[in-house]
């Protein structure tokens, strides 16, 4: 039987990460920075209750999407799937400095998160229940911050200036390493090349296999042709267990 991971231990890692990131500043073209681990903490903390096992596979995303985790506090957190499948409907506050074109409306947000719809929809269709999924997988984000330009355009961490990236990555690397040590998975799979690269840097001293899986972003032409099929094929190629839940 798999060992239990106390959700509080993962919560402590997140709180330490928030504290370390609170002193960082970011220059133009970034004008607004959201940290959903602060204003949407209830949703994230509720999500951690699913960390009841030490699953063999840790899936790692890049950072919150504006219509996903930035709204709900849950990684890849499309509001409809977070509420209907994961059963999370926690209250969400607002960031201290809100972009007028990117309001935080929590579970009242009128938009869905395509990447989250694909990832959690795949999990639902393959495993049926969240409990079966989380026995095999856990999903985390490498960086908890969402960056926006004056226009409202999303800016990903890899596009930040070198000096800002260096400090940010050092902090997020440490948190990811802690997370991997705690969960002790056999595999860390970056959702996209960036996340896989950061996982390789953060976990270089750990005995864990690191690979990448396709990102479900609508910006990916391949993902738009059927991400679930791509995900299944990649997991089969890697030889990971748990592609489908046993009945």
Protein backbone atom coordinates (compact mmCIF):
# COMPACT_ATOMS: atom_id res chain seq x y z
CA UNK A 1 0.00 0.00 0.00
CA UNK A 2 1.26 3.48 -0.88
CA UNK A 3 2.43 5.66 1.98
CA UNK A 4 0.40 8.68 2.93
CA UNK A 5 1.57 12.22 2.32
CA UNK A 6 0.12 14.72 4.74
CA UNK A 7 -1.49 17.59 2.83
CA UNK A 8 -0.14 19.94 5.50
CA UNK A 9 3.43 19.12 4.49
CA UNK A 10 2.70 20.25 0.93
CA UNK A 11 0.90 23.29 2.30
CA UNK A 12 3.98 24.19 4.33
CA UNK A 13 6.13 24.02 1.19
CA UNK A 14 3.70 26.36 -0.58
CA UNK A 15 3.69 28.82 2.32
CA UNK A 16 7.47 28.93 2.43
CA UNK A 17 7.53 29.47 -1.34
CA UNK A 18 5.05 32.35 -1.04
CA UNK A 19 7.17 33.97 1.65
CA UNK A 20 10.32 33.70 -0.45
CA UNK A 21 8.62 35.12 -3.54
CA UNK A 22 7.01 38.04 -1.71
CA UNK A 23 10.19 40.10 -1.84
CA UNK A 24 10.71 39.74 -5.61
CA UNK A 25 9.90 42.52 -8.06
CA UNK A 26 9.47 42.35 -11.82
CA UNK A 27 10.11 44.99 -14.46
CA UNK A 28 8.32 46.05 -17.64
CA UNK A 29 6.72 44.75 -19.72
CA UNK A 30 5.28 42.95 -16.65
CA UNK A 31 2.89 45.31 -14.85
CA UNK A 32 0.82 42.92 -12.71
CA UNK A 33 1.71 39.75 -10.82
CA UNK A 34 -0.89 37.44 -9.30
CA UNK A 35 -0.14 34.83 -6.65
CA UNK A 36 -3.21 32.57 -6.29
CA UNK A 37 -1.55 30.72 -3.42
CA UNK A 38 -2.30 33.87 -1.44
CA UNK A 39 -5.73 35.12 -2.54
CA UNK A 40 -7.07 31.68 -3.61
CA UNK A 41 -5.43 29.73 -0.80
CA UNK A 42 -8.66 28.00 0.25
CA UNK A 43 -9.00 26.36 -3.16
CA UNK A 44 -5.38 25.27 -3.23
CA UNK A 45 -5.52 23.93 0.33
CA UNK A 46 -8.67 21.98 -0.50
CA UNK A 47 -6.91 20.55 -3.57
CA UNK A 48 -4.05 19.30 -1.38
CA UNK A 49 -6.50 17.01 0.42
CA UNK A 50 -6.17 14.77 -2.63
CA UNK A 51 -2.51 14.22 -1.71
CA UNK A 52 -3.44 11.17 0.34
CA UNK A 53 -1.01 8.88 -1.49
CA UNK A 54 2.54 8.94 -2.77
CA UNK A 55 1.74 8.45 -6.47
CA UNK A 56 4.34 7.11 -8.91
CA UNK A 57 3.92 10.05 -11.30
CA UNK A 58 4.20 13.79 -10.58
CA UNK A 59 2.94 16.02 -13.38
CA UNK A 60 4.47 19.51 -13.32
CA UNK A 61 3.06 22.52 -15.16
CA UNK A 62 4.70 25.89 -15.78
CA UNK A 63 2.63 28.51 -13.93
CA UNK A 64 -1.03 29.55 -13.46
CA UNK A 65 -3.17 30.31 -16.47
CA UNK A 66 -5.32 33.48 -16.27
CA UNK A 67 -8.57 31.50 -16.47
CA UNK A 68 -7.42 28.47 -14.50
CA UNK A 69 -5.35 28.47 -11.32
CA UNK A 70 -5.42 32.28 -11.26
CA UNK A 71 -9.18 31.98 -10.71
CA UNK A 72 -9.58 28.85 -8.58
CA UNK A 73 -6.22 28.24 -6.88
CA UNK A 74 -6.03 24.72 -8.36
CA UNK A 75 -3.32 23.80 -10.91
CA UNK A 76 -4.85 23.80 -14.41
CA UNK A 77 -8.00 24.71 -12.49
CA UNK A 78 -10.81 25.13 -14.97
CA UNK A 79 -13.69 26.23 -12.74
CA UNK A 80 -16.26 23.76 -14.06
CA UNK A 81 -14.10 20.65 -13.70
CA UNK A 82 -12.67 21.82 -10.38
CA UNK A 83 -16.18 22.15 -8.98
CA UNK A 84 -17.93 19.25 -10.71
CA UNK A 85 -15.19 16.60 -10.73
CA UNK A 86 -12.80 17.58 -7.94
CA UNK A 87 -15.64 18.89 -5.79
CA UNK A 88 -13.88 22.12 -4.85
CA UNK A 89 -15.84 25.37 -4.67
CA UNK A 90 -13.84 27.41 -2.18
CA UNK A 91 -14.21 31.15 -1.75
CA UNK A 92 -11.64 33.22 -3.64
CA UNK A 93 -10.44 36.69 -2.67
CA UNK A 94 -8.86 39.21 -5.04
CA UNK A 95 -5.18 40.00 -5.64
CA UNK A 96 -3.93 43.22 -4.04
CA UNK A 97 -3.39 44.86 -7.42
CA UNK A 98 -5.78 43.62 -10.06
CA UNK A 99 -5.44 44.08 -13.81
CA UNK A 100 -8.66 45.63 -15.18
CA UNK A 101 -8.61 43.23 -18.15
CA UNK A 102 -7.91 40.16 -16.01
CA UNK A 103 -10.33 40.32 -13.08
CA UNK A 104 -10.33 37.50 -10.58
CA UNK A 105 -13.89 36.23 -10.33
CA UNK A 106 -13.15 32.84 -8.86
CA UNK A 107 -15.79 30.24 -9.58
CA UNK A 108 -17.99 32.94 -11.11
CA UNK A 109 -15.47 33.48 -13.91
CA UNK A 110 -17.38 33.29 -17.22
CA UNK A 111 -14.43 31.81 -19.09
CA UNK A 112 -13.05 28.31 -19.01
CA UNK A 113 -9.40 27.23 -19.05
CA UNK A 114 -8.82 25.11 -22.16
CA UNK A 115 -5.62 23.52 -20.85
CA UNK A 116 -7.41 22.60 -17.64
CA UNK A 117 -10.44 21.27 -19.49
CA UNK A 118 -8.15 18.99 -21.44
CA UNK A 119 -5.98 17.80 -18.55
CA UNK A 120 -8.71 17.25 -15.95
CA UNK A 121 -11.12 16.01 -18.62
CA UNK A 122 -8.55 13.40 -19.60
CA UNK A 123 -8.11 12.41 -15.95
CA UNK A 124 -11.88 12.08 -15.49
CA UNK A 125 -12.36 10.06 -18.68
CA UNK A 126 -9.46 7.69 -18.01
CA UNK A 127 -9.88 7.15 -14.27
CA UNK A 128 -13.51 7.92 -13.48
CA UNK A 129 -13.00 9.18 -9.95
CA UNK A 130 -10.46 11.66 -8.55
CA UNK A 131 -9.38 9.09 -5.97
CA UNK A 132 -8.28 6.63 -8.67
CA UNK A 133 -6.44 9.35 -10.54
CA UNK A 134 -4.56 10.63 -7.50
CA UNK A 135 -3.41 7.14 -6.59
CA UNK A 136 -1.35 7.28 -9.79
CA UNK A 137 -0.72 11.01 -10.35
CA UNK A 138 -0.40 14.35 -8.63
CA UNK A 139 -0.42 17.68 -10.48
CA UNK A 140 1.65 20.68 -9.38
CA UNK A 141 2.84 23.93 -10.90
CA UNK A 142 6.52 24.86 -10.97
CA UNK A 143 5.90 28.57 -10.40
CA UNK A 144 2.81 29.88 -8.54
CA UNK A 145 2.95 33.37 -10.07
CA UNK A 146 0.98 34.64 -13.06
CA UNK A 147 2.53 37.55 -14.98
CA UNK A 148 0.62 40.08 -17.07
CA UNK A 149 1.64 42.93 -19.33
CA UNK A 150 -0.12 46.30 -19.49
CA UNK A 151 -2.28 45.04 -22.38
CA UNK A 152 -3.42 42.10 -20.26
CA UNK A 153 -1.33 39.69 -22.26
CA UNK A 154 0.01 36.71 -20.31
CA UNK A 155 3.81 36.58 -19.99
CA UNK A 156 5.36 33.23 -19.15
CA UNK A 157 8.30 32.90 -16.71
CA UNK A 158 10.74 31.87 -19.45
CA UNK A 159 10.23 35.28 -21.09
CA UNK A 160 11.32 37.29 -18.03
CA UNK A 161 14.71 39.11 -18.04
CA UNK A 162 17.68 36.89 -17.20
CA UNK A 163 18.33 38.36 -13.75
CA UNK A 164 14.67 38.04 -12.75
CA UNK A 165 14.50 34.50 -14.07
CA UNK A 166 17.59 33.49 -12.13
CA UNK A 167 16.18 34.57 -8.77
CA UNK A 168 12.70 33.22 -9.50
CA UNK A 169 13.97 29.88 -10.76
CA UNK A 170 16.27 29.41 -7.78
CA UNK A 171 13.32 29.80 -5.41
CA UNK A 172 10.93 27.64 -7.41
CA UNK A 173 13.59 24.97 -7.97
CA UNK A 174 13.99 24.62 -4.20
CA UNK A 175 10.25 24.23 -3.67
CA UNK A 176 9.96 21.65 -6.44
CA UNK A 177 12.87 19.68 -5.03
CA UNK A 178 11.15 19.66 -1.62
CA UNK A 179 7.93 18.50 -3.21
CA UNK A 180 9.64 15.65 -5.07
CA UNK A 181 11.49 14.55 -1.93
CA UNK A 182 8.20 14.49 -0.04
CA UNK A 183 6.08 12.68 -2.62
CA UNK A 184 8.97 10.45 -3.77
CA UNK A 185 7.55 9.63 -7.23
CA UNK A 186 9.22 7.32 -9.71
CA UNK A 187 8.58 9.83 -12.51
CA UNK A 188 8.46 13.61 -12.77
CA UNK A 189 6.80 14.53 -16.05
CA UNK A 190 6.99 18.13 -17.14
CA UNK A 191 3.85 19.26 -18.95
CA UNK A 192 5.76 20.87 -21.79
CA UNK A 193 9.49 21.29 -22.36
CA UNK A 194 9.95 24.24 -20.00
CA UNK A 195 8.58 22.40 -16.98
CA UNK A 196 10.62 19.31 -17.82
CA UNK A 197 13.76 21.42 -18.04
CA UNK A 198 13.16 23.07 -14.67
CA UNK A 199 12.38 19.69 -13.10
CA UNK A 200 15.68 18.34 -14.42
CA UNK A 201 17.54 21.28 -12.87
CA UNK A 202 15.70 21.10 -9.55
CA UNK A 203 15.95 17.32 -9.15
CA UNK A 204 19.41 16.67 -10.55
CA UNK A 205 20.53 15.08 -7.27
CA UNK A 206 17.42 12.93 -6.82
CA UNK A 207 16.78 9.38 -7.96
CA UNK A 208 13.81 10.11 -10.20
CA UNK A 209 13.19 9.81 -13.91
CA UNK A 210 12.35 13.09 -15.62
CA UNK A 211 10.63 13.36 -18.99
CA UNK A 212 8.10 15.59 -20.73
CA UNK A 213 4.55 15.12 -21.94
CA UNK A 214 2.68 17.31 -24.43
CA UNK A 215 1.20 20.56 -23.16
CA UNK A 216 -2.60 20.82 -23.56
CA UNK A 217 -2.45 24.52 -24.49
CA UNK A 218 -4.71 25.72 -27.34
CA UNK A 219 -1.56 27.43 -28.68
CA UNK A 220 -0.32 23.95 -29.66
CA UNK A 221 -1.58 22.79 -33.08
CA UNK A 222 -0.94 19.17 -32.14
CA UNK A 223 -2.86 19.47 -28.88
CA UNK A 224 -5.79 20.95 -30.79
CA UNK A 225 -5.99 17.76 -32.82
CA UNK A 226 -6.62 15.62 -29.76
CA UNK A 227 -4.52 16.09 -26.63
CA UNK A 228 -5.91 13.07 -24.77
CA UNK A 229 -4.70 10.80 -27.55
CA UNK A 230 -1.26 12.45 -27.47
CA UNK A 231 -1.07 12.08 -23.69
CA UNK A 232 -2.00 8.40 -23.79
CA UNK A 233 0.54 7.71 -26.51
CA UNK A 234 3.33 9.53 -24.68
CA UNK A 235 2.69 7.71 -21.40
CA UNK A 236 2.66 4.41 -23.26
CA UNK A 237 5.92 5.32 -24.99
CA UNK A 238 7.55 6.12 -21.65
CA UNK A 239 6.26 2.90 -20.10
CA UNK A 240 4.52 4.69 -17.23
CA UNK A 241 1.97 2.69 -15.28
CA UNK A 242 -1.53 3.96 -14.72
CA UNK A 243 -2.47 5.18 -18.19
CA UNK A 244 -5.90 3.75 -17.51
CA UNK A 245 -7.50 2.93 -14.20
CA UNK A 246 -8.30 -0.68 -13.51
CA UNK A 247 -11.97 -1.39 -12.88
